[in-house]
Amino acid sequence: MPLATSILIPSFRRPERVTRCLESLGSQTTLPDEVIVVWQGDDVATRHAAEHLKGTLPYQLRTLHSPKVGVVPAENTAVQAASGDIVLLIDDDATAPEDWIERHLRHYKDPTVGAVGGPADNFLPDGNAYPTHAAEPQGRLTWYGKTIGNMHDQPETWRSRQPTEVHHLVGYNLSVRRPAVKIFEAGLRPYWQLFELDACLQVRAGGYRVLFDYGIV
């Protein structure tokens, strides 16, 4: 049976951006089974933007509320409601290429894979791309606790590289096998960017591998 997918999108005061993100998910070669947008605090504009699209997109769109503002409380609101076998995370200001879900799911044919991620290309407000960031290695955690990312704005030639096993990934382009992560760690304030690291450590502690695919941009 095909694996069911849930996409989680915490969004805060960027209704135009989340609209574009949701529309990109409607053009996937493999459509999601559900997309969950979490609006936070008093940000009713985000709720209105998402609910305005309900019924116009080829997937189930759900809106949930997190009274507490913050990416981790919002992610946890979504993940606890998610029904998919595979949970995908994407930022509200990201646009997914048409094969984004399909590329993630390919890796889960291997039962040893518990999480998959890829790079992101960033753009300035004027539409120009960020400078190329050709730094290595990717997704490492040193023995003394330093995190090394290098998972953005990579050279286009790197997209043909073979996927590599890493220690951690980044939440703007991340999927996990649902049983491998029960909840995201909310006690990391004010360093919430490390919640993805904790999630990947949970995955690895469960005996799964964490993969970085250079071609899932």
N, C-alpha and C. Protein backbone atom coordinates (compact mmCIF):
# COMPACT_ATOMS: atom_id res chain seq x y z
N MET A 1 0.83 -1.20 0.00
CA MET A 1 0.00 0.00 0.00
C MET A 1 0.87 1.25 0.00
N PRO A 2 0.46 2.29 -0.72
CA PRO A 2 1.24 3.53 -0.71
C PRO A 2 1.21 4.18 0.67
N LEU A 3 2.28 4.87 1.00
CA LEU A 3 2.37 5.56 2.28
C LEU A 3 1.56 6.85 2.25
N ALA A 4 0.73 7.06 3.26
CA ALA A 4 -0.04 8.29 3.35
C ALA A 4 0.85 9.42 3.86
N THR A 5 0.60 10.64 3.40
CA THR A 5 1.45 11.78 3.74
C THR A 5 0.65 12.90 4.39
N SER A 6 1.27 13.50 5.39
CA SER A 6 0.73 14.71 6.03
C SER A 6 1.80 15.78 5.94
N ILE A 7 1.44 16.97 5.48
CA ILE A 7 2.38 18.09 5.40
C ILE A 7 2.00 19.11 6.46
N LEU A 8 2.99 19.51 7.25
CA LEU A 8 2.77 20.44 8.36
C LEU A 8 3.34 21.81 8.00
N ILE A 9 2.53 22.85 8.15
CA ILE A 9 2.96 24.21 7.84
C ILE A 9 2.57 25.15 8.98
N PRO A 10 3.45 25.43 9.93
CA PRO A 10 3.20 26.50 10.87
C PRO A 10 3.35 27.84 10.14
N SER A 11 2.40 28.75 10.33
CA SER A 11 2.49 30.02 9.61
C SER A 11 2.11 31.16 10.54
N PHE A 12 2.84 32.27 10.39
CA PHE A 12 2.59 33.41 11.27
C PHE A 12 2.76 34.71 10.49
N ARG A 13 1.63 35.37 10.25
CA ARG A 13 1.59 36.71 9.67
C ARG A 13 2.27 36.80 8.30
N ARG A 14 2.08 35.74 7.49
CA ARG A 14 2.56 35.78 6.10
C ARG A 14 1.50 35.13 5.21
N PRO A 15 0.28 35.69 5.20
CA PRO A 15 -0.80 35.02 4.46
C PRO A 15 -0.53 34.88 2.96
N GLU A 16 0.14 35.88 2.36
CA GLU A 16 0.42 35.77 0.92
C GLU A 16 1.43 34.66 0.65
N ARG A 17 2.41 34.53 1.54
CA ARG A 17 3.43 33.51 1.34
C ARG A 17 2.84 32.11 1.52
N VAL A 18 2.03 31.93 2.57
CA VAL A 18 1.48 30.59 2.79
C VAL A 18 0.51 30.21 1.69
N THR A 19 -0.17 31.19 1.10
CA THR A 19 -1.04 30.90 -0.04
C THR A 19 -0.23 30.33 -1.20
N ARG A 20 0.90 30.94 -1.48
CA ARG A 20 1.75 30.45 -2.57
C ARG A 20 2.28 29.05 -2.26
N CYS A 21 2.64 28.82 -1.02
CA CYS A 21 3.13 27.50 -0.62
C CYS A 21 2.05 26.44 -0.83
N LEU A 22 0.84 26.74 -0.37
CA LEU A 22 -0.26 25.78 -0.49
C LEU A 22 -0.58 25.50 -1.96
N GLU A 23 -0.52 26.50 -2.78
CA GLU A 23 -0.79 26.30 -4.21
C GLU A 23 0.28 25.41 -4.84
N SER A 24 1.52 25.56 -4.42
CA SER A 24 2.58 24.70 -4.97
C SER A 24 2.37 23.24 -4.59
N LEU A 25 1.78 22.99 -3.43
CA LEU A 25 1.51 21.61 -3.00
C LEU A 25 0.36 21.00 -3.78
N GLY A 26 -0.44 21.82 -4.43
CA GLY A 26 -1.52 21.32 -5.26
C GLY A 26 -1.09 20.93 -6.65
N SER A 27 0.18 21.18 -6.98
CA SER A 27 0.70 20.84 -8.31
C SER A 27 1.69 19.69 -8.26
N GLN A 28 1.66 18.91 -7.19
CA GLN A 28 2.62 17.83 -7.01
C GLN A 28 2.31 16.63 -7.91
N THR A 29 3.36 15.96 -8.36
CA THR A 29 3.17 14.72 -9.12
C THR A 29 2.58 13.63 -8.23
N THR A 30 2.89 13.67 -6.94
CA THR A 30 2.25 12.82 -5.94
C THR A 30 1.59 13.75 -4.93
N LEU A 31 0.28 13.80 -4.92
CA LEU A 31 -0.42 14.75 -4.07
C LEU A 31 -0.38 14.30 -2.61
N PRO A 32 -0.37 15.25 -1.68
CA PRO A 32 -0.43 14.89 -0.26
C PRO A 32 -1.82 14.40 0.11
N ASP A 33 -1.88 13.57 1.14
CA ASP A 33 -3.19 13.13 1.62
C ASP A 33 -3.84 14.21 2.48
N GLU A 34 -3.03 14.99 3.18
CA GLU A 34 -3.56 16.11 3.95
C GLU A 34 -2.46 17.15 4.14
N VAL A 35 -2.86 18.39 4.24
CA VAL A 35 -1.97 19.49 4.57
C VAL A 35 -2.58 20.21 5.77
N ILE A 36 -1.77 20.42 6.80
CA ILE A 36 -2.24 21.05 8.03
C ILE A 36 -1.54 22.39 8.21
N VAL A 37 -2.30 23.46 8.17
CA VAL A 37 -1.78 24.80 8.43
C VAL A 37 -2.13 25.17 9.87
N VAL A 38 -1.14 25.57 10.64
CA VAL A 38 -1.38 25.99 12.01
C VAL A 38 -1.20 27.50 12.11
N TRP A 39 -2.31 28.18 12.40
CA TRP A 39 -2.21 29.63 12.64
C TRP A 39 -2.05 29.84 14.14
N GLN A 40 -1.35 30.93 14.49
CA GLN A 40 -0.88 31.09 15.86
C GLN A 40 -1.38 32.40 16.48
N GLY A 41 -1.63 32.34 17.80
CA GLY A 41 -2.01 33.56 18.50
C GLY A 41 -3.24 34.20 17.91
N ASP A 42 -3.14 35.51 17.62
CA ASP A 42 -4.27 36.26 17.07
C ASP A 42 -4.18 36.45 15.56
N ASP A 43 -3.38 35.65 14.91
CA ASP A 43 -3.12 35.82 13.48
C ASP A 43 -4.26 35.24 12.63
N VAL A 44 -5.40 35.90 12.66
CA VAL A 44 -6.56 35.40 11.92
C VAL A 44 -6.38 35.57 10.41
N ALA A 45 -5.50 36.44 9.97
CA ALA A 45 -5.28 36.63 8.54
C ALA A 45 -4.75 35.34 7.91
N THR A 46 -3.89 34.63 8.63
CA THR A 46 -3.37 33.36 8.12
C THR A 46 -4.49 32.32 8.06
N ARG A 47 -5.32 32.28 9.10
CA ARG A 47 -6.45 31.35 9.08
C ARG A 47 -7.35 31.63 7.88
N HIS A 48 -7.67 32.91 7.65
CA HIS A 48 -8.55 33.27 6.54
C HIS A 48 -7.93 32.89 5.20
N ALA A 49 -6.61 33.11 5.05
CA ALA A 49 -5.93 32.80 3.79
C ALA A 49 -6.01 31.31 3.48
N ALA A 50 -5.78 30.48 4.51
CA ALA A 50 -5.82 29.04 4.30
C ALA A 50 -7.25 28.56 4.04
N GLU A 51 -8.18 29.04 4.84
CA GLU A 51 -9.56 28.57 4.69
C GLU A 51 -10.18 29.04 3.37
N HIS A 52 -9.69 30.15 2.84
CA HIS A 52 -10.17 30.64 1.55
C HIS A 52 -9.86 29.64 0.44
N LEU A 53 -8.79 28.85 0.62
CA LEU A 53 -8.37 27.90 -0.41
C LEU A 53 -9.03 26.54 -0.28
N LYS A 54 -9.72 26.31 0.83
CA LYS A 54 -10.37 25.00 1.01
C LYS A 54 -11.38 24.76 -0.10
N GLY A 55 -11.32 23.57 -0.67
CA GLY A 55 -12.22 23.23 -1.76
C GLY A 55 -11.70 23.59 -3.12
N THR A 56 -10.61 24.39 -3.17
CA THR A 56 -10.04 24.77 -4.46
C THR A 56 -8.78 23.97 -4.79
N LEU A 57 -8.27 23.22 -3.82
CA LEU A 57 -7.02 22.49 -4.00
C LEU A 57 -7.30 20.98 -3.99
N PRO A 58 -6.48 20.19 -4.68
CA PRO A 58 -6.76 18.75 -4.84
C PRO A 58 -6.28 17.90 -3.68
N TYR A 59 -6.37 18.42 -2.48
CA TYR A 59 -6.01 17.64 -1.29
C TYR A 59 -6.82 18.17 -0.11
N GLN A 60 -6.80 17.40 0.97
CA GLN A 60 -7.50 17.83 2.18
C GLN A 60 -6.67 18.88 2.90
N LEU A 61 -7.24 20.05 3.09
CA LEU A 61 -6.58 21.14 3.78
C LEU A 61 -7.26 21.37 5.13
N ARG A 62 -6.46 21.31 6.19
CA ARG A 62 -6.98 21.50 7.54
C ARG A 62 -6.31 22.72 8.17
N THR A 63 -7.05 23.46 8.97
CA THR A 63 -6.48 24.57 9.72
C THR A 63 -6.66 24.31 11.21
N LEU A 64 -5.57 24.44 11.95
CA LEU A 64 -5.58 24.27 13.40
C LEU A 64 -5.02 25.52 14.05
N HIS A 65 -5.33 25.69 15.33
CA HIS A 65 -4.89 26.88 16.04
C HIS A 65 -3.94 26.52 17.17
N SER A 66 -2.84 27.25 17.25
CA SER A 66 -1.93 27.16 18.39
C SER A 66 -2.01 28.48 19.14
N PRO A 67 -2.62 28.50 20.32
CA PRO A 67 -2.70 29.76 21.07
C PRO A 67 -1.32 30.34 21.37
N LYS A 68 -0.35 29.48 21.54
CA LYS A 68 1.02 29.92 21.81
C LYS A 68 1.74 30.15 20.50
N VAL A 69 2.38 31.31 20.36
CA VAL A 69 3.11 31.63 19.14
C VAL A 69 4.50 31.01 19.21
N GLY A 70 4.88 30.33 18.15
CA GLY A 70 6.20 29.72 18.08
C GLY A 70 6.17 28.50 17.18
N VAL A 71 7.28 28.26 16.50
CA VAL A 71 7.30 27.18 15.51
C VAL A 71 7.11 25.82 16.15
N VAL A 72 7.72 25.58 17.31
CA VAL A 72 7.62 24.25 17.91
C VAL A 72 6.22 23.96 18.46
N PRO A 73 5.60 24.89 19.22
CA PRO A 73 4.21 24.62 19.62
C PRO A 73 3.29 24.39 18.42
N ALA A 74 3.52 25.15 17.34
CA ALA A 74 2.70 24.97 16.15
C ALA A 74 2.95 23.63 15.48
N GLU A 75 4.22 23.24 15.37
CA GLU A 75 4.55 21.93 14.79
C GLU A 75 3.94 20.80 15.62
N ASN A 76 3.99 20.94 16.93
CA ASN A 76 3.44 19.89 17.79
C ASN A 76 1.93 19.82 17.70
N THR A 77 1.27 20.97 17.54
CA THR A 77 -0.17 20.96 17.32
C THR A 77 -0.50 20.16 16.07
N ALA A 78 0.30 20.37 15.02
CA ALA A 78 0.06 19.69 13.75
C ALA A 78 0.43 18.21 13.80
N VAL A 79 1.59 17.90 14.37
CA VAL A 79 2.05 16.50 14.31
C VAL A 79 1.15 15.59 15.14
N GLN A 80 0.59 16.11 16.22
CA GLN A 80 -0.30 15.28 17.03
C GLN A 80 -1.64 15.03 16.34
N ALA A 81 -1.97 15.88 15.37
CA ALA A 81 -3.22 15.70 14.62
C ALA A 81 -3.01 14.98 13.30
N ALA A 82 -1.76 14.80 12.89
CA ALA A 82 -1.46 14.24 11.58
C ALA A 82 -1.80 12.76 11.52
N SER A 83 -2.31 12.32 10.38
CA SER A 83 -2.70 10.93 10.20
C SER A 83 -1.78 10.17 9.25
N GLY A 84 -0.84 10.86 8.62
CA GLY A 84 -0.01 10.22 7.60
C GLY A 84 1.06 9.30 8.16
N ASP A 85 1.49 8.36 7.32
CA ASP A 85 2.63 7.50 7.66
C ASP A 85 3.93 8.28 7.60
N ILE A 86 3.98 9.23 6.67
CA ILE A 86 5.14 10.11 6.50
C ILE A 86 4.68 11.53 6.75
N VAL A 87 5.40 12.24 7.61
CA VAL A 87 5.10 13.64 7.92
C VAL A 87 6.17 14.50 7.28
N LEU A 88 5.75 15.47 6.49
CA LEU A 88 6.67 16.38 5.81
C LEU A 88 6.54 17.78 6.40
N LEU A 89 7.67 18.44 6.58
CA LEU A 89 7.70 19.83 7.06
C LEU A 89 8.18 20.74 5.95
N ILE A 90 7.52 21.87 5.81
CA ILE A 90 7.96 22.90 4.87
C ILE A 90 7.62 24.26 5.48
N ASP A 91 8.47 25.25 5.22
CA ASP A 91 8.21 26.59 5.73
C ASP A 91 7.10 27.27 4.94
N ASP A 92 6.41 28.21 5.58
CA ASP A 92 5.29 28.87 4.92
C ASP A 92 5.72 29.79 3.78
N ASP A 93 6.99 30.18 3.76
CA ASP A 93 7.47 31.03 2.66
C ASP A 93 8.27 30.25 1.63
N ALA A 94 8.09 28.92 1.62
CA ALA A 94 8.78 28.08 0.64
C ALA A 94 7.82 27.66 -0.45
N THR A 95 8.36 27.40 -1.63
CA THR A 95 7.59 26.88 -2.75
C THR A 95 8.16 25.51 -3.12
N ALA A 96 7.30 24.51 -3.16
CA ALA A 96 7.76 23.15 -3.43
C ALA A 96 7.74 22.85 -4.93
N PRO A 97 8.84 22.36 -5.50
CA PRO A 97 8.82 21.89 -6.89
C PRO A 97 7.83 20.75 -7.05
N GLU A 98 7.42 20.48 -8.28
CA GLU A 98 6.34 19.53 -8.53
C GLU A 98 6.66 18.11 -8.05
N ASP A 99 7.94 17.75 -7.99
CA ASP A 99 8.30 16.38 -7.60
C ASP A 99 8.78 16.30 -6.16
N TRP A 100 8.49 17.32 -5.37
CA TRP A 100 9.03 17.38 -4.00
C TRP A 100 8.56 16.19 -3.15
N ILE A 101 7.27 15.93 -3.09
CA ILE A 101 6.76 14.82 -2.30
C ILE A 101 7.24 13.49 -2.89
N GLU A 102 7.17 13.36 -4.20
CA GLU A 102 7.58 12.11 -4.86
C GLU A 102 9.02 11.75 -4.52
N ARG A 103 9.89 12.74 -4.54
CA ARG A 103 11.30 12.49 -4.25
C ARG A 103 11.51 12.06 -2.79
N HIS A 104 10.78 12.70 -1.88
CA HIS A 104 10.88 12.28 -0.48
C HIS A 104 10.44 10.83 -0.31
N LEU A 105 9.30 10.48 -0.90
CA LEU A 105 8.72 9.16 -0.68
C LEU A 105 9.57 8.03 -1.25
N ARG A 106 10.33 8.31 -2.30
CA ARG A 106 11.18 7.26 -2.88
C ARG A 106 12.08 6.62 -1.84
N HIS A 107 12.57 7.43 -0.92
CA HIS A 107 13.54 6.92 0.05
C HIS A 107 12.89 6.00 1.09
N TYR A 108 11.60 6.14 1.29
CA TYR A 108 10.94 5.35 2.33
C TYR A 108 10.59 3.93 1.87
N LYS A 109 10.93 3.60 0.62
CA LYS A 109 10.85 2.20 0.19
C LYS A 109 11.88 1.37 0.95
N ASP A 110 12.90 2.04 1.45
CA ASP A 110 13.92 1.39 2.28
C ASP A 110 13.47 1.48 3.74
N PRO A 111 13.17 0.36 4.38
CA PRO A 111 12.63 0.40 5.74
C PRO A 111 13.63 0.89 6.78
N THR A 112 14.90 1.04 6.41
CA THR A 112 15.89 1.54 7.37
C THR A 112 15.93 3.06 7.42
N VAL A 113 15.24 3.74 6.49
CA VAL A 113 15.26 5.20 6.42
C VAL A 113 14.15 5.75 7.30
N GLY A 114 14.52 6.66 8.22
CA GLY A 114 13.54 7.25 9.12
C GLY A 114 13.30 8.73 8.91
N ALA A 115 14.23 9.41 8.22
CA ALA A 115 14.07 10.84 7.95
C ALA A 115 14.82 11.19 6.68
N VAL A 116 14.28 12.14 5.94
CA VAL A 116 14.87 12.58 4.67
C VAL A 116 14.80 14.10 4.61
N GLY A 117 15.83 14.72 4.08
CA GLY A 117 15.82 16.17 3.91
C GLY A 117 16.59 16.56 2.66
N GLY A 118 16.53 17.84 2.37
CA GLY A 118 17.24 18.37 1.22
C GLY A 118 17.53 19.84 1.42
N PRO A 119 18.20 20.45 0.44
CA PRO A 119 18.58 21.86 0.56
C PRO A 119 17.45 22.79 0.17
N ALA A 120 17.66 24.08 0.39
CA ALA A 120 16.75 25.12 -0.06
C ALA A 120 17.55 26.18 -0.79
N ASP A 121 16.93 26.78 -1.80
CA ASP A 121 17.50 27.94 -2.48
C ASP A 121 16.78 29.18 -1.96
N ASN A 122 17.54 30.15 -1.51
CA ASN A 122 16.97 31.38 -0.96
C ASN A 122 17.01 32.52 -1.98
N PHE A 123 16.04 33.42 -1.86
CA PHE A 123 15.95 34.55 -2.78
C PHE A 123 15.75 35.84 -2.00
N LEU A 124 16.36 36.90 -2.49
CA LEU A 124 16.19 38.23 -1.91
C LEU A 124 14.82 38.80 -2.31
N PRO A 125 14.36 39.84 -1.62
CA PRO A 125 13.06 40.43 -1.97
C PRO A 125 12.95 40.88 -3.42
N ASP A 126 14.07 41.23 -4.04
CA ASP A 126 14.03 41.67 -5.44
C ASP A 126 14.02 40.50 -6.42
N GLY A 127 14.02 39.26 -5.91
CA GLY A 127 13.97 38.09 -6.77
C GLY A 127 15.31 37.48 -7.11
N ASN A 128 16.39 38.15 -6.76
CA ASN A 128 17.71 37.61 -7.04
C ASN A 128 18.07 36.51 -6.03
N ALA A 129 18.78 35.51 -6.53
CA ALA A 129 19.17 34.40 -5.68
C ALA A 129 20.30 34.78 -4.74
N TYR A 130 20.33 34.13 -3.58
CA TYR A 130 21.45 34.29 -2.67
C TYR A 130 22.72 33.76 -3.33
N PRO A 131 23.88 34.19 -2.87
CA PRO A 131 25.13 33.64 -3.39
C PRO A 131 25.22 32.14 -3.15
N THR A 132 25.91 31.45 -4.03
CA THR A 132 26.11 30.02 -3.87
C THR A 132 26.93 29.73 -2.61
N HIS A 133 26.49 28.69 -1.90
CA HIS A 133 27.13 28.32 -0.63
C HIS A 133 27.69 26.91 -0.79
N ALA A 134 28.93 26.82 -1.24
CA ALA A 134 29.55 25.52 -1.53
C ALA A 134 30.38 25.05 -0.36
N ALA A 135 29.76 24.92 0.79
CA ALA A 135 30.48 24.53 2.01
C ALA A 135 30.14 23.09 2.38
N GLU A 136 31.11 22.42 2.92
CA GLU A 136 30.93 21.03 3.36
C GLU A 136 31.55 20.87 4.75
N PRO A 137 31.15 19.81 5.48
CA PRO A 137 30.18 18.77 5.15
C PRO A 137 28.76 19.23 5.41
N GLN A 138 27.79 18.33 5.20
CA GLN A 138 26.39 18.63 5.44
C GLN A 138 25.89 17.87 6.68
N GLY A 139 25.09 18.58 7.49
CA GLY A 139 24.33 17.94 8.54
C GLY A 139 25.12 17.11 9.53
N ARG A 140 26.16 17.69 10.11
CA ARG A 140 26.98 16.95 11.07
C ARG A 140 26.80 17.50 12.48
N LEU A 141 26.98 16.63 13.44
CA LEU A 141 27.01 16.99 14.85
C LEU A 141 28.32 16.47 15.42
N THR A 142 29.18 17.40 15.86
CA THR A 142 30.49 16.97 16.36
C THR A 142 30.36 16.33 17.74
N TRP A 143 31.40 15.65 18.15
CA TRP A 143 31.39 14.98 19.44
C TRP A 143 31.26 15.96 20.60
N TYR A 144 31.64 17.23 20.35
CA TYR A 144 31.55 18.23 21.41
C TYR A 144 30.32 19.12 21.26
N GLY A 145 29.36 18.74 20.40
CA GLY A 145 28.06 19.39 20.36
C GLY A 145 27.88 20.50 19.36
N LYS A 146 28.85 20.74 18.49
CA LYS A 146 28.70 21.78 17.46
C LYS A 146 27.91 21.21 16.28
N THR A 147 26.93 22.00 15.82
CA THR A 147 26.17 21.58 14.64
C THR A 147 26.73 22.25 13.39
N ILE A 148 26.81 21.49 12.33
CA ILE A 148 27.27 21.97 11.02
C ILE A 148 26.15 21.71 10.03
N GLY A 149 25.64 22.76 9.41
CA GLY A 149 24.50 22.62 8.51
C GLY A 149 24.91 22.52 7.05
N ASN A 150 25.16 23.70 6.43
CA ASN A 150 25.56 23.77 5.02
C ASN A 150 24.53 23.10 4.10
N MET A 151 23.25 23.39 4.36
CA MET A 151 22.19 22.75 3.58
C MET A 151 21.33 23.77 2.83
N HIS A 152 21.97 24.82 2.31
CA HIS A 152 21.22 25.84 1.56
C HIS A 152 22.08 26.44 0.47
N ASP A 153 21.41 26.89 -0.60
CA ASP A 153 22.04 27.63 -1.71
C ASP A 153 23.25 26.90 -2.27
N GLN A 154 23.09 25.62 -2.49
CA GLN A 154 24.20 24.81 -2.98
C GLN A 154 24.38 24.95 -4.49
N PRO A 155 25.58 24.66 -5.01
CA PRO A 155 25.79 24.71 -6.46
C PRO A 155 24.84 23.76 -7.18
N GLU A 156 24.35 24.19 -8.33
CA GLU A 156 23.40 23.36 -9.07
C GLU A 156 23.98 22.01 -9.45
N THR A 157 25.29 21.96 -9.66
CA THR A 157 25.93 20.69 -10.02
C THR A 157 25.84 19.67 -8.89
N TRP A 158 25.64 20.12 -7.67
CA TRP A 158 25.54 19.19 -6.54
C TRP A 158 24.25 18.39 -6.56
N ARG A 159 23.27 18.82 -7.33
CA ARG A 159 21.97 18.15 -7.31
C ARG A 159 22.04 16.71 -7.83
N SER A 160 23.09 16.40 -8.58
CA SER A 160 23.24 15.04 -9.10
C SER A 160 24.04 14.14 -8.16
N ARG A 161 24.46 14.67 -7.03
CA ARG A 161 25.18 13.86 -6.06
C ARG A 161 24.28 12.77 -5.48
N GLN A 162 24.90 11.69 -5.03
CA GLN A 162 24.17 10.64 -4.36
C GLN A 162 23.75 11.09 -2.96
N PRO A 163 22.59 10.68 -2.49
CA PRO A 163 22.19 11.02 -1.11
C PRO A 163 23.23 10.51 -0.12
N THR A 164 23.35 11.22 0.98
CA THR A 164 24.35 10.86 1.99
C THR A 164 23.69 10.78 3.36
N GLU A 165 24.22 9.92 4.21
CA GLU A 165 23.70 9.79 5.56
C GLU A 165 24.26 10.93 6.42
N VAL A 166 23.39 11.58 7.19
CA VAL A 166 23.78 12.73 8.00
C VAL A 166 23.27 12.54 9.43
N HIS A 167 23.67 13.49 10.29
CA HIS A 167 23.21 13.48 11.67
C HIS A 167 21.90 14.25 11.85
N HIS A 168 21.72 15.32 11.07
CA HIS A 168 20.52 16.15 11.26
C HIS A 168 20.16 16.84 9.96
N LEU A 169 18.93 17.40 9.94
CA LEU A 169 18.38 18.06 8.76
C LEU A 169 17.77 19.40 9.19
N VAL A 170 17.17 20.11 8.24
CA VAL A 170 16.57 21.42 8.51
C VAL A 170 15.07 21.36 8.21
N GLY A 171 14.28 22.05 9.04
CA GLY A 171 12.83 21.92 8.98
C GLY A 171 12.14 22.53 7.78
N TYR A 172 12.85 23.31 6.97
CA TYR A 172 12.19 23.86 5.79
C TYR A 172 12.02 22.83 4.69
N ASN A 173 12.68 21.67 4.82
CA ASN A 173 12.64 20.64 3.78
C ASN A 173 12.97 19.31 4.45
N LEU A 174 11.98 18.74 5.13
CA LEU A 174 12.24 17.60 6.00
C LEU A 174 11.03 16.67 6.02
N SER A 175 11.29 15.37 6.01
CA SER A 175 10.23 14.39 6.21
C SER A 175 10.70 13.35 7.21
N VAL A 176 9.75 12.78 7.93
CA VAL A 176 10.07 11.76 8.93
C VAL A 176 9.04 10.65 8.86
N ARG A 177 9.49 9.47 9.17
CA ARG A 177 8.58 8.34 9.33
C ARG A 177 7.83 8.54 10.65
N ARG A 178 6.51 8.57 10.62
CA ARG A 178 5.72 9.01 11.78
C ARG A 178 6.07 8.27 13.07
N PRO A 179 6.25 6.95 13.07
CA PRO A 179 6.55 6.29 14.35
C PRO A 179 7.91 6.69 14.94
N ALA A 180 8.77 7.29 14.13
CA ALA A 180 10.13 7.60 14.60
C ALA A 180 10.20 8.86 15.45
N VAL A 181 9.18 9.74 15.35
CA VAL A 181 9.17 10.99 16.12
C VAL A 181 7.79 11.16 16.74
N LYS A 182 7.73 11.12 18.04
CA LYS A 182 6.45 11.24 18.73
C LYS A 182 6.02 12.70 18.87
N ILE A 183 7.00 13.56 19.19
CA ILE A 183 6.71 14.97 19.43
C ILE A 183 8.01 15.74 19.27
N PHE A 184 7.91 17.01 18.96
CA PHE A 184 9.09 17.86 18.83
C PHE A 184 9.41 18.50 20.18
N GLU A 185 10.68 18.64 20.47
CA GLU A 185 11.12 19.13 21.77
C GLU A 185 10.87 20.63 21.91
N ALA A 186 10.00 20.98 22.86
CA ALA A 186 9.62 22.38 23.05
C ALA A 186 10.45 23.07 24.12
N GLY A 187 11.37 22.35 24.75
CA GLY A 187 12.14 22.93 25.84
C GLY A 187 13.45 23.55 25.43
N LEU A 188 13.62 23.81 24.14
CA LEU A 188 14.88 24.32 23.64
C LEU A 188 14.91 25.85 23.55
N ARG A 189 13.86 26.53 23.96
CA ARG A 189 13.85 27.99 23.87
C ARG A 189 15.09 28.58 24.53
N PRO A 190 15.65 29.65 23.98
CA PRO A 190 15.23 30.35 22.76
C PRO A 190 15.87 29.80 21.50
N TYR A 191 16.37 28.58 21.56
CA TYR A 191 17.11 28.03 20.42
C TYR A 191 16.26 27.01 19.67
N TRP A 192 15.06 27.42 19.27
CA TRP A 192 14.12 26.49 18.68
C TRP A 192 14.59 25.94 17.35
N GLN A 193 15.59 26.56 16.73
CA GLN A 193 16.05 26.01 15.47
C GLN A 193 16.65 24.63 15.64
N LEU A 194 16.97 24.25 16.86
CA LEU A 194 17.54 22.94 17.12
C LEU A 194 16.49 21.84 17.28
N PHE A 195 15.21 22.17 17.14
CA PHE A 195 14.21 21.11 17.30
C PHE A 195 14.35 20.06 16.21
N GLU A 196 14.82 20.44 15.03
CA GLU A 196 15.03 19.47 13.96
C GLU A 196 16.17 18.51 14.31
N LEU A 197 17.21 19.06 14.94
CA LEU A 197 18.32 18.22 15.40
C LEU A 197 17.80 17.18 16.38
N ASP A 198 17.01 17.62 17.35
CA ASP A 198 16.46 16.68 18.33
C ASP A 198 15.60 15.63 17.65
N ALA A 199 14.78 16.04 16.68
CA ALA A 199 13.94 15.08 15.96
C ALA A 199 14.79 14.03 15.26
N CYS A 200 15.87 14.46 14.63
CA CYS A 200 16.74 13.51 13.93
C CYS A 200 17.48 12.61 14.90
N LEU A 201 17.80 13.12 16.07
CA LEU A 201 18.41 12.26 17.09
C LEU A 201 17.41 11.22 17.57
N GLN A 202 16.13 11.59 17.65
CA GLN A 202 15.09 10.62 17.98
C GLN A 202 15.03 9.53 16.91
N VAL A 203 15.10 9.94 15.66
CA VAL A 203 15.05 8.99 14.54
C VAL A 203 16.22 8.01 14.62
N ARG A 204 17.40 8.53 14.84
CA ARG A 204 18.58 7.67 14.89
C ARG A 204 18.56 6.77 16.12
N ALA A 205 18.04 7.29 17.24
CA ALA A 205 17.94 6.46 18.44
C ALA A 205 16.98 5.29 18.24
N GLY A 206 16.04 5.45 17.32
CA GLY A 206 15.11 4.38 16.99
C GLY A 206 15.67 3.36 16.02
N GLY A 207 16.93 3.54 15.62
CA GLY A 207 17.58 2.59 14.72
C GLY A 207 17.43 2.89 13.25
N TYR A 208 16.88 4.07 12.93
CA TYR A 208 16.71 4.46 11.53
C TYR A 208 17.89 5.32 11.05
N ARG A 209 17.98 5.43 9.72
CA ARG A 209 18.98 6.30 9.11
C ARG A 209 18.36 7.63 8.72
N VAL A 210 19.18 8.68 8.71
CA VAL A 210 18.77 10.03 8.31
C VAL A 210 19.51 10.38 7.03
N LEU A 211 18.79 10.70 5.97
CA LEU A 211 19.40 10.94 4.66
C LEU A 211 19.24 12.38 4.22
N PHE A 212 20.30 12.90 3.60
CA PHE A 212 20.25 14.20 2.93
C PHE A 212 20.36 13.97 1.44
N ASP A 213 19.32 14.38 0.69
CA ASP A 213 19.28 14.20 -0.76
C ASP A 213 19.51 15.57 -1.41
N TYR A 214 20.63 15.72 -2.08
CA TYR A 214 21.00 16.99 -2.71
C TYR A 214 20.02 17.40 -3.81
N GLY A 215 19.28 16.45 -4.35
CA GLY A 215 18.38 16.74 -5.47
C GLY A 215 16.99 17.16 -5.06
N ILE A 216 16.65 17.05 -3.75
CA ILE A 216 15.31 17.47 -3.30
C ILE A 216 15.43 18.92 -2.85
N VAL A 217 15.32 19.85 -3.78
CA VAL A 217 15.55 21.26 -3.49
C VAL A 217 14.23 21.93 -3.16
